[in-house]
Structures are given as structure tokens and as C-alpha cells.
Amino acid sequence: MTIYLTGFMGCGKSSTGRRVARALGYTFADTDCLVEETAGKSIARIFAEEGETVFRQLETEALAAIPQEGNTVVATGGGLPCSERNLSLMRQRGRIVYLASSQERLVHILLACRRDRRPRIAGLDEAGIREYVRTALAQRESYYAQADRTVICDGMDTRHIADEIIAYVRSLEELR
């Protein structure tokens, strides 16, 4: 079984995904890491040198290349599910879990992170980050909402978010 974690940048897909995979004995994959390995450069450099279109193409290729044998938890990039092709592939191959976070929580997290590693917010001040989160979240919400399961992350730490996903996956395993 493959579990795809979707959600806005900073919502905790990678850290939660690692925890879920470890607890379930699943393999963990991160599409952002796979893109960087394939391209031989950081996402920030891909954006700067080749642009978002090339990055999105590499992201789709990374998603398609994830092996389907065994059990895997996949942390996706924040914009990855905003493509019908990617959504369709994830639906065919597994279950999608959306890690939903409020705009305020996301802004708080993104203000505290290394923005130079996140090309969409590099160089933005607090007002710019707030505006980016507001508009991008509104654009992406219809894609995120197509998940099989939504976990509301506000007020929860990574452990509790992971516990909710683990319980969901175990319920799916019982149905198989």
C-alpha cells in the first residue's frame, strides 16, 4: 500500500511521513528529495536556473518513478497534487492523506524556517508570506480536498498527526 501525504509547504509532510513509515515498517520517500537527487541540485537552484515548469515536470517524473512494490509513505511537494495527472496517479496507486493547516499556522511555521530553501517565499517579508499563503492555499484547496482522508493539523504536534495517520492506515490494512 502507498500512502501519499499532501498539503501546503511547511505543514509537516516530511517529518510526519518519516514517523508514520517508521512506526508501520513502511519505506519512506520524499518527492522533493527525489527531484534534488535526480537533478543533482537543490530545488531553489532548479527554480532559479530552469524555472517552475521544469521543476514541476521533474516532480511528476519523481512521483511516477516511486516503486509500487511493498508499502511506502510518500511526502509530496506542496504543489504536486495541483495537477490532474499527479492526482490521478496517486489515486490509482494508493491513498491520499491531506495534512490541512490554517493560514495562521502555516505563516508562523514559514516565518521560522530557512526561506532560502523554499523558492516560492525566498526574499518575502511577513506580509509577503501572508499574501502568498492566502492566495496559494485558495488556489490549491480544491486539489487538496480530493484526498481520501484529511487530518486537521492545527493544535497537534507531529506525533499526534502521525498517530492519526497510522490509525487510518491500520484500518485500511484490516480491510485488505
N, C-alpha and C. Protein backbone atom coordinates (compact mmCIF):
# COMPACT_ATOMS: atom_id res chain seq x y z
N MET A 1 0.85 -1.17 0.00
CA MET A 1 0.00 0.00 0.00
C MET A 1 0.89 1.24 0.00
N THR A 2 0.48 2.24 -0.74
CA THR A 2 1.20 3.51 -0.76
C THR A 2 0.29 4.59 -0.19
N ILE A 3 0.84 5.38 0.73
CA ILE A 3 0.14 6.49 1.35
C ILE A 3 0.84 7.77 0.91
N TYR A 4 0.10 8.66 0.26
CA TYR A 4 0.64 9.93 -0.20
C TYR A 4 0.20 11.04 0.75
N LEU A 5 1.16 11.77 1.29
CA LEU A 5 0.85 12.89 2.17
C LEU A 5 0.91 14.17 1.35
N THR A 6 -0.19 14.91 1.34
CA THR A 6 -0.25 16.17 0.61
C THR A 6 -0.54 17.30 1.59
N GLY A 7 -0.31 18.52 1.14
CA GLY A 7 -0.57 19.69 1.96
C GLY A 7 0.39 20.80 1.60
N PHE A 8 0.13 21.96 2.14
CA PHE A 8 0.91 23.15 1.84
C PHE A 8 2.32 23.02 2.40
N MET A 9 3.26 23.75 1.81
CA MET A 9 4.63 23.72 2.32
C MET A 9 4.65 24.11 3.79
N GLY A 10 5.44 23.37 4.56
CA GLY A 10 5.57 23.67 5.98
C GLY A 10 4.56 22.97 6.88
N CYS A 11 3.63 22.22 6.30
CA CYS A 11 2.59 21.59 7.14
C CYS A 11 3.09 20.34 7.86
N GLY A 12 4.27 19.84 7.48
CA GLY A 12 4.85 18.70 8.19
C GLY A 12 4.80 17.38 7.46
N LYS A 13 4.67 17.40 6.14
CA LYS A 13 4.56 16.15 5.38
C LYS A 13 5.79 15.26 5.55
N SER A 14 6.97 15.85 5.45
CA SER A 14 8.20 15.04 5.53
C SER A 14 8.43 14.48 6.93
N SER A 15 8.37 15.33 7.94
CA SER A 15 8.62 14.85 9.31
C SER A 15 7.54 13.86 9.75
N THR A 16 6.30 14.14 9.41
CA THR A 16 5.21 13.22 9.75
C THR A 16 5.36 11.92 8.96
N GLY A 17 5.69 12.03 7.69
CA GLY A 17 5.84 10.85 6.85
C GLY A 17 6.91 9.91 7.35
N ARG A 18 8.04 10.46 7.77
CA ARG A 18 9.12 9.63 8.32
C ARG A 18 8.63 8.88 9.56
N ARG A 19 7.92 9.58 10.42
CA ARG A 19 7.42 8.98 11.66
C ARG A 19 6.41 7.87 11.36
N VAL A 20 5.50 8.13 10.43
CA VAL A 20 4.48 7.13 10.06
C VAL A 20 5.16 5.90 9.46
N ALA A 21 6.08 6.12 8.53
CA ALA A 21 6.76 5.00 7.88
C ALA A 21 7.52 4.15 8.90
N ARG A 22 8.23 4.80 9.80
CA ARG A 22 8.99 4.08 10.83
C ARG A 22 8.05 3.24 11.70
N ALA A 23 6.94 3.82 12.12
CA ALA A 23 6.00 3.12 13.01
C ALA A 23 5.34 1.92 12.33
N LEU A 24 5.10 2.03 11.03
CA LEU A 24 4.41 0.96 10.30
C LEU A 24 5.36 -0.02 9.63
N GLY A 25 6.66 0.29 9.64
CA GLY A 25 7.61 -0.56 8.93
C GLY A 25 7.54 -0.38 7.43
N TYR A 26 7.09 0.79 6.99
CA TYR A 26 6.99 1.11 5.57
C TYR A 26 8.27 1.81 5.11
N THR A 27 8.49 1.85 3.81
CA THR A 27 9.55 2.65 3.22
C THR A 27 9.07 4.09 3.18
N PHE A 28 10.00 5.04 3.26
CA PHE A 28 9.65 6.46 3.16
C PHE A 28 10.28 7.05 1.91
N ALA A 29 9.52 7.86 1.19
CA ALA A 29 10.03 8.60 0.03
C ALA A 29 9.55 10.04 0.12
N ASP A 30 10.38 10.95 -0.34
CA ASP A 30 10.04 12.37 -0.34
C ASP A 30 10.28 12.87 -1.77
N THR A 31 9.23 13.33 -2.43
CA THR A 31 9.39 13.72 -3.84
C THR A 31 10.36 14.89 -4.00
N ASP A 32 10.42 15.81 -3.04
CA ASP A 32 11.38 16.90 -3.14
C ASP A 32 12.81 16.36 -3.13
N CYS A 33 13.10 15.41 -2.25
CA CYS A 33 14.44 14.81 -2.19
C CYS A 33 14.75 14.04 -3.47
N LEU A 34 13.75 13.33 -4.00
CA LEU A 34 13.95 12.59 -5.24
C LEU A 34 14.26 13.53 -6.40
N VAL A 35 13.58 14.66 -6.46
CA VAL A 35 13.85 15.66 -7.51
C VAL A 35 15.28 16.17 -7.39
N GLU A 36 15.69 16.51 -6.17
CA GLU A 36 17.05 17.02 -5.97
C GLU A 36 18.10 15.98 -6.36
N GLU A 37 17.86 14.73 -6.00
CA GLU A 37 18.80 13.66 -6.36
C GLU A 37 18.89 13.49 -7.87
N THR A 38 17.75 13.48 -8.54
CA THR A 38 17.72 13.30 -9.99
C THR A 38 18.39 14.47 -10.70
N ALA A 39 18.08 15.69 -10.28
CA ALA A 39 18.60 16.88 -10.93
C ALA A 39 20.04 17.19 -10.53
N GLY A 40 20.47 16.67 -9.39
CA GLY A 40 21.81 16.96 -8.91
C GLY A 40 21.96 18.38 -8.38
N LYS A 41 20.84 18.98 -8.00
CA LYS A 41 20.88 20.33 -7.44
C LYS A 41 19.65 20.58 -6.59
N SER A 42 19.71 21.62 -5.79
CA SER A 42 18.61 21.93 -4.88
C SER A 42 17.39 22.43 -5.65
N ILE A 43 16.25 22.35 -4.99
CA ILE A 43 15.02 22.87 -5.59
C ILE A 43 15.16 24.36 -5.85
N ALA A 44 15.79 25.07 -4.93
CA ALA A 44 15.99 26.51 -5.11
C ALA A 44 16.79 26.78 -6.38
N ARG A 45 17.82 25.98 -6.63
CA ARG A 45 18.63 26.15 -7.86
C ARG A 45 17.83 25.78 -9.10
N ILE A 46 17.02 24.73 -9.02
CA ILE A 46 16.19 24.35 -10.17
C ILE A 46 15.27 25.51 -10.52
N PHE A 47 14.59 26.07 -9.52
CA PHE A 47 13.70 27.22 -9.75
C PHE A 47 14.47 28.38 -10.37
N ALA A 48 15.65 28.70 -9.82
CA ALA A 48 16.42 29.85 -10.28
C ALA A 48 16.98 29.66 -11.68
N GLU A 49 17.46 28.46 -11.98
CA GLU A 49 18.13 28.22 -13.26
C GLU A 49 17.20 27.73 -14.37
N GLU A 50 16.17 26.97 -14.00
CA GLU A 50 15.34 26.35 -15.03
C GLU A 50 13.86 26.70 -14.94
N GLY A 51 13.45 27.23 -13.80
CA GLY A 51 12.08 27.69 -13.65
C GLY A 51 11.14 26.64 -13.06
N GLU A 52 9.96 27.13 -12.70
CA GLU A 52 8.98 26.26 -12.05
C GLU A 52 8.46 25.17 -12.97
N THR A 53 8.32 25.45 -14.26
CA THR A 53 7.79 24.44 -15.19
C THR A 53 8.68 23.20 -15.22
N VAL A 54 9.99 23.40 -15.28
CA VAL A 54 10.92 22.27 -15.26
C VAL A 54 10.84 21.54 -13.93
N PHE A 55 10.76 22.31 -12.83
CA PHE A 55 10.64 21.67 -11.52
C PHE A 55 9.39 20.79 -11.47
N ARG A 56 8.25 21.30 -11.92
CA ARG A 56 7.00 20.53 -11.88
C ARG A 56 7.10 19.26 -12.73
N GLN A 57 7.79 19.34 -13.85
CA GLN A 57 8.00 18.15 -14.69
C GLN A 57 8.85 17.12 -13.94
N LEU A 58 9.92 17.57 -13.32
CA LEU A 58 10.78 16.66 -12.54
C LEU A 58 10.01 16.04 -11.37
N GLU A 59 9.14 16.83 -10.78
CA GLU A 59 8.32 16.36 -9.66
C GLU A 59 7.37 15.24 -10.12
N THR A 60 6.76 15.43 -11.27
CA THR A 60 5.86 14.40 -11.83
C THR A 60 6.64 13.13 -12.15
N GLU A 61 7.83 13.29 -12.71
CA GLU A 61 8.67 12.13 -13.02
C GLU A 61 9.08 11.39 -11.74
N ALA A 62 9.40 12.14 -10.70
CA ALA A 62 9.78 11.52 -9.42
C ALA A 62 8.61 10.74 -8.84
N LEU A 63 7.43 11.30 -8.90
CA LEU A 63 6.23 10.61 -8.41
C LEU A 63 6.02 9.30 -9.15
N ALA A 64 6.12 9.35 -10.47
CA ALA A 64 5.89 8.16 -11.29
C ALA A 64 6.95 7.09 -11.06
N ALA A 65 8.16 7.50 -10.67
CA ALA A 65 9.27 6.56 -10.50
C ALA A 65 9.28 5.85 -9.16
N ILE A 66 8.44 6.25 -8.23
CA ILE A 66 8.42 5.60 -6.91
C ILE A 66 7.93 4.17 -7.09
N PRO A 67 8.72 3.18 -6.66
CA PRO A 67 8.33 1.78 -6.84
C PRO A 67 7.00 1.47 -6.16
N GLN A 68 6.23 0.60 -6.79
CA GLN A 68 4.91 0.25 -6.26
C GLN A 68 4.90 -1.04 -5.45
N GLU A 69 6.02 -1.74 -5.41
CA GLU A 69 6.09 -2.96 -4.61
C GLU A 69 6.23 -2.56 -3.15
N GLY A 70 5.65 -3.35 -2.30
CA GLY A 70 5.78 -3.10 -0.87
C GLY A 70 4.92 -1.95 -0.39
N ASN A 71 5.23 -1.47 0.79
CA ASN A 71 4.46 -0.41 1.44
C ASN A 71 5.32 0.83 1.58
N THR A 72 4.76 1.97 1.17
CA THR A 72 5.52 3.21 1.16
C THR A 72 4.67 4.38 1.64
N VAL A 73 5.30 5.27 2.38
CA VAL A 73 4.71 6.57 2.70
C VAL A 73 5.47 7.60 1.88
N VAL A 74 4.75 8.42 1.13
CA VAL A 74 5.36 9.41 0.25
C VAL A 74 4.97 10.82 0.70
N ALA A 75 5.97 11.64 1.02
CA ALA A 75 5.73 13.06 1.28
C ALA A 75 5.85 13.77 -0.06
N THR A 76 4.79 14.45 -0.47
CA THR A 76 4.80 15.13 -1.76
C THR A 76 5.13 16.61 -1.57
N GLY A 77 5.56 17.24 -2.65
CA GLY A 77 5.75 18.69 -2.63
C GLY A 77 4.39 19.36 -2.52
N GLY A 78 4.37 20.57 -1.99
CA GLY A 78 3.11 21.27 -1.76
C GLY A 78 2.27 21.47 -3.00
N GLY A 79 2.91 21.65 -4.16
CA GLY A 79 2.16 21.88 -5.39
C GLY A 79 1.94 20.63 -6.22
N LEU A 80 2.53 19.52 -5.83
CA LEU A 80 2.44 18.29 -6.62
C LEU A 80 1.00 17.85 -6.90
N PRO A 81 0.09 17.89 -5.93
CA PRO A 81 -1.27 17.41 -6.23
C PRO A 81 -2.09 18.38 -7.08
N CYS A 82 -1.52 19.52 -7.44
CA CYS A 82 -2.27 20.52 -8.21
C CYS A 82 -2.16 20.27 -9.70
N SER A 83 -2.14 19.02 -10.05
CA SER A 83 -2.09 18.55 -11.43
C SER A 83 -2.99 17.33 -11.51
N GLU A 84 -3.90 17.33 -12.45
CA GLU A 84 -4.81 16.18 -12.59
C GLU A 84 -4.04 14.89 -12.84
N ARG A 85 -2.95 15.00 -13.59
CA ARG A 85 -2.13 13.82 -13.88
C ARG A 85 -1.57 13.23 -12.58
N ASN A 86 -1.02 14.09 -11.73
CA ASN A 86 -0.45 13.61 -10.47
C ASN A 86 -1.53 13.07 -9.54
N LEU A 87 -2.65 13.78 -9.45
CA LEU A 87 -3.75 13.30 -8.61
C LEU A 87 -4.24 11.94 -9.07
N SER A 88 -4.38 11.79 -10.37
CA SER A 88 -4.85 10.52 -10.93
C SER A 88 -3.88 9.39 -10.61
N LEU A 89 -2.60 9.65 -10.77
CA LEU A 89 -1.58 8.64 -10.48
C LEU A 89 -1.62 8.23 -9.01
N MET A 90 -1.74 9.21 -8.12
CA MET A 90 -1.79 8.89 -6.69
C MET A 90 -3.06 8.10 -6.35
N ARG A 91 -4.18 8.48 -6.95
CA ARG A 91 -5.43 7.75 -6.69
C ARG A 91 -5.34 6.30 -7.17
N GLN A 92 -4.71 6.08 -8.32
CA GLN A 92 -4.58 4.73 -8.87
C GLN A 92 -3.68 3.86 -8.01
N ARG A 93 -2.65 4.46 -7.44
CA ARG A 93 -1.61 3.69 -6.75
C ARG A 93 -1.76 3.60 -5.24
N GLY A 94 -2.60 4.40 -4.64
CA GLY A 94 -2.67 4.37 -3.19
C GLY A 94 -3.75 5.25 -2.63
N ARG A 95 -3.52 5.70 -1.41
CA ARG A 95 -4.45 6.57 -0.70
C ARG A 95 -3.77 7.91 -0.45
N ILE A 96 -4.56 8.96 -0.51
CA ILE A 96 -4.05 10.32 -0.33
C ILE A 96 -4.55 10.86 1.01
N VAL A 97 -3.62 11.38 1.80
CA VAL A 97 -3.95 12.00 3.08
C VAL A 97 -3.51 13.46 3.02
N TYR A 98 -4.47 14.36 3.23
CA TYR A 98 -4.20 15.80 3.22
C TYR A 98 -3.95 16.29 4.63
N LEU A 99 -2.78 16.88 4.85
CA LEU A 99 -2.45 17.49 6.14
C LEU A 99 -2.89 18.95 6.07
N ALA A 100 -4.06 19.23 6.58
CA ALA A 100 -4.66 20.56 6.50
C ALA A 100 -4.20 21.44 7.64
N SER A 101 -3.78 22.64 7.31
CA SER A 101 -3.33 23.61 8.31
C SER A 101 -3.94 24.97 8.00
N SER A 102 -4.21 25.73 9.04
CA SER A 102 -4.74 27.08 8.85
C SER A 102 -3.66 27.99 8.26
N GLN A 103 -4.11 29.08 7.67
CA GLN A 103 -3.17 30.07 7.15
C GLN A 103 -2.25 30.59 8.25
N GLU A 104 -2.81 30.84 9.42
CA GLU A 104 -2.00 31.36 10.53
C GLU A 104 -0.91 30.39 10.94
N ARG A 105 -1.24 29.12 11.04
CA ARG A 105 -0.24 28.11 11.42
C ARG A 105 0.86 28.04 10.36
N LEU A 106 0.48 28.04 9.09
CA LEU A 106 1.46 27.97 8.01
C LEU A 106 2.37 29.19 8.01
N VAL A 107 1.79 30.38 8.16
CA VAL A 107 2.60 31.60 8.20
C VAL A 107 3.59 31.53 9.36
N HIS A 108 3.13 31.13 10.53
CA HIS A 108 4.00 31.01 11.70
C HIS A 108 5.18 30.07 11.41
N ILE A 109 4.89 28.92 10.82
CA ILE A 109 5.94 27.93 10.51
C ILE A 109 6.90 28.48 9.47
N LEU A 110 6.36 29.08 8.41
CA LEU A 110 7.21 29.56 7.32
C LEU A 110 8.07 30.74 7.74
N LEU A 111 7.59 31.56 8.65
CA LEU A 111 8.42 32.66 9.16
C LEU A 111 9.62 32.14 9.95
N ALA A 112 9.48 30.98 10.54
CA ALA A 112 10.55 30.40 11.37
C ALA A 112 11.52 29.53 10.57
N CYS A 113 11.21 29.22 9.32
CA CYS A 113 12.06 28.29 8.56
C CYS A 113 13.11 29.03 7.75
N ARG A 114 14.02 28.27 7.16
CA ARG A 114 15.02 28.83 6.25
C ARG A 114 14.35 29.07 4.91
N ARG A 115 14.02 30.31 4.65
CA ARG A 115 13.28 30.65 3.43
C ARG A 115 14.11 30.48 2.16
N ASP A 116 15.43 30.53 2.29
CA ASP A 116 16.27 30.38 1.10
C ASP A 116 16.12 28.99 0.48
N ARG A 117 15.62 28.02 1.24
CA ARG A 117 15.41 26.67 0.73
C ARG A 117 14.02 26.51 0.11
N ARG A 118 13.21 27.54 0.20
CA ARG A 118 11.84 27.49 -0.31
C ARG A 118 11.67 28.63 -1.32
N PRO A 119 11.88 28.33 -2.60
CA PRO A 119 11.92 29.38 -3.62
C PRO A 119 10.66 30.24 -3.72
N ARG A 120 9.52 29.69 -3.40
CA ARG A 120 8.27 30.46 -3.51
C ARG A 120 8.18 31.56 -2.47
N ILE A 121 8.93 31.47 -1.37
CA ILE A 121 8.87 32.50 -0.34
C ILE A 121 10.21 33.17 -0.08
N ALA A 122 11.24 32.78 -0.82
CA ALA A 122 12.57 33.38 -0.63
C ALA A 122 12.46 34.89 -0.84
N GLY A 123 13.01 35.64 0.08
CA GLY A 123 13.02 37.09 -0.05
C GLY A 123 11.74 37.80 0.38
N LEU A 124 10.71 37.04 0.77
CA LEU A 124 9.46 37.68 1.20
C LEU A 124 9.51 38.05 2.67
N ASP A 125 8.94 39.20 3.00
CA ASP A 125 8.78 39.57 4.40
C ASP A 125 7.49 38.95 4.92
N GLU A 126 7.13 39.26 6.17
CA GLU A 126 5.95 38.64 6.76
C GLU A 126 4.69 38.92 5.96
N ALA A 127 4.51 40.15 5.52
CA ALA A 127 3.31 40.49 4.73
C ALA A 127 3.28 39.71 3.42
N GLY A 128 4.44 39.57 2.79
CA GLY A 128 4.52 38.82 1.54
C GLY A 128 4.21 37.35 1.73
N ILE A 129 4.71 36.79 2.83
CA ILE A 129 4.42 35.38 3.12
C ILE A 129 2.93 35.19 3.40
N ARG A 130 2.36 36.11 4.17
CA ARG A 130 0.91 36.02 4.45
C ARG A 130 0.11 36.04 3.15
N GLU A 131 0.45 36.93 2.26
CA GLU A 131 -0.27 37.05 1.00
C GLU A 131 -0.06 35.80 0.14
N TYR A 132 1.17 35.32 0.08
CA TYR A 132 1.44 34.11 -0.70
C TYR A 132 0.64 32.92 -0.17
N VAL A 133 0.67 32.71 1.14
CA VAL A 133 -0.07 31.60 1.74
C VAL A 133 -1.56 31.74 1.45
N ARG A 134 -2.10 32.95 1.62
CA ARG A 134 -3.53 33.18 1.40
C ARG A 134 -3.93 32.83 -0.04
N THR A 135 -3.20 33.35 -1.01
CA THR A 135 -3.58 33.13 -2.41
C THR A 135 -3.29 31.70 -2.87
N ALA A 136 -2.12 31.18 -2.52
CA ALA A 136 -1.76 29.83 -2.97
C ALA A 136 -2.66 28.77 -2.33
N LEU A 137 -2.97 28.94 -1.06
CA LEU A 137 -3.85 27.99 -0.39
C LEU A 137 -5.24 28.00 -1.03
N ALA A 138 -5.73 29.18 -1.37
CA ALA A 138 -7.03 29.28 -2.03
C ALA A 138 -7.01 28.58 -3.39
N GLN A 139 -5.92 28.73 -4.14
CA GLN A 139 -5.79 28.09 -5.45
C GLN A 139 -5.68 26.57 -5.34
N ARG A 140 -5.06 26.09 -4.30
CA ARG A 140 -4.78 24.66 -4.17
C ARG A 140 -5.85 23.88 -3.41
N GLU A 141 -6.69 24.56 -2.68
CA GLU A 141 -7.64 23.89 -1.79
C GLU A 141 -8.49 22.85 -2.50
N SER A 142 -8.94 23.13 -3.72
CA SER A 142 -9.80 22.17 -4.43
C SER A 142 -9.04 20.88 -4.76
N TYR A 143 -7.74 20.98 -4.97
CA TYR A 143 -6.93 19.79 -5.23
C TYR A 143 -6.71 19.01 -3.93
N TYR A 144 -6.32 19.75 -2.89
CA TYR A 144 -6.10 19.10 -1.60
C TYR A 144 -7.36 18.39 -1.09
N ALA A 145 -8.50 19.00 -1.36
CA ALA A 145 -9.78 18.45 -0.87
C ALA A 145 -10.14 17.11 -1.49
N GLN A 146 -9.44 16.71 -2.53
CA GLN A 146 -9.73 15.43 -3.19
C GLN A 146 -9.06 14.24 -2.51
N ALA A 147 -8.43 14.49 -1.38
CA ALA A 147 -7.76 13.41 -0.63
C ALA A 147 -8.78 12.42 -0.09
N ASP A 148 -8.30 11.21 0.15
CA ASP A 148 -9.14 10.17 0.77
C ASP A 148 -9.39 10.46 2.24
N ARG A 149 -8.46 11.15 2.86
CA ARG A 149 -8.56 11.45 4.29
C ARG A 149 -7.93 12.82 4.53
N THR A 150 -8.53 13.60 5.40
CA THR A 150 -7.98 14.90 5.79
C THR A 150 -7.68 14.86 7.28
N VAL A 151 -6.48 15.30 7.63
CA VAL A 151 -6.08 15.41 9.03
C VAL A 151 -5.91 16.90 9.33
N ILE A 152 -6.68 17.42 10.27
CA ILE A 152 -6.56 18.82 10.67
C ILE A 152 -5.38 18.93 11.63
N CYS A 153 -4.35 19.65 11.22
CA CYS A 153 -3.09 19.67 11.96
C CYS A 153 -3.00 20.77 13.03
N ASP A 154 -3.85 21.77 12.96
CA ASP A 154 -3.78 22.86 13.94
C ASP A 154 -3.96 22.31 15.35
N GLY A 155 -3.09 22.76 16.24
CA GLY A 155 -3.17 22.33 17.63
C GLY A 155 -2.59 20.95 17.88
N MET A 156 -2.00 20.33 16.86
CA MET A 156 -1.43 18.99 17.02
C MET A 156 0.06 19.03 16.71
N ASP A 157 0.84 18.22 17.42
CA ASP A 157 2.25 18.09 17.09
C ASP A 157 2.42 16.92 16.12
N THR A 158 3.64 16.75 15.63
CA THR A 158 3.92 15.72 14.64
C THR A 158 3.52 14.33 15.12
N ARG A 159 3.76 14.05 16.38
CA ARG A 159 3.43 12.72 16.92
C ARG A 159 1.94 12.45 16.82
N HIS A 160 1.13 13.42 17.19
CA HIS A 160 -0.32 13.21 17.15
C HIS A 160 -0.86 13.14 15.72
N ILE A 161 -0.29 13.94 14.84
CA ILE A 161 -0.68 13.87 13.43
C ILE A 161 -0.34 12.49 12.89
N ALA A 162 0.88 12.03 13.18
CA ALA A 162 1.31 10.70 12.73
C ALA A 162 0.41 9.61 13.31
N ASP A 163 0.06 9.72 14.58
CA ASP A 163 -0.81 8.71 15.20
C ASP A 163 -2.15 8.60 14.48
N GLU A 164 -2.69 9.74 14.06
CA GLU A 164 -3.96 9.71 13.34
C GLU A 164 -3.82 9.01 11.98
N ILE A 165 -2.72 9.27 11.30
CA ILE A 165 -2.49 8.63 10.01
C ILE A 165 -2.23 7.14 10.19
N ILE A 166 -1.47 6.78 11.21
CA ILE A 166 -1.19 5.37 11.49
C ILE A 166 -2.49 4.61 11.74
N ALA A 167 -3.38 5.19 12.52
CA ALA A 167 -4.67 4.55 12.78
C ALA A 167 -5.47 4.37 11.49
N TYR A 168 -5.43 5.37 10.63
CA TYR A 168 -6.12 5.29 9.34
C TYR A 168 -5.54 4.16 8.48
N VAL A 169 -4.21 4.10 8.39
CA VAL A 169 -3.56 3.06 7.57
C VAL A 169 -3.86 1.68 8.13
N ARG A 170 -3.82 1.53 9.43
CA ARG A 170 -4.13 0.23 10.03
C ARG A 170 -5.56 -0.19 9.74
N SER A 171 -6.48 0.77 9.72
CA SER A 171 -7.88 0.43 9.38
C SER A 171 -7.98 -0.02 7.93
N LEU A 172 -7.18 0.57 7.05
CA LEU A 172 -7.17 0.15 5.64
C LEU A 172 -6.57 -1.25 5.51
N GLU A 173 -5.52 -1.51 6.28
CA GLU A 173 -4.88 -2.84 6.23
C GLU A 173 -5.84 -3.93 6.68
N GLU A 174 -6.67 -3.62 7.65
CA GLU A 174 -7.65 -4.61 8.13
C GLU A 174 -8.69 -4.94 7.06
N LEU A 175 -8.95 -4.00 6.17
CA LEU A 175 -9.94 -4.21 5.11
C LEU A 175 -9.39 -5.04 3.96
N ARG A 176 -8.06 -5.16 3.88
CA ARG A 176 -7.46 -5.90 2.76
C ARG A 176 -7.53 -7.38 2.96
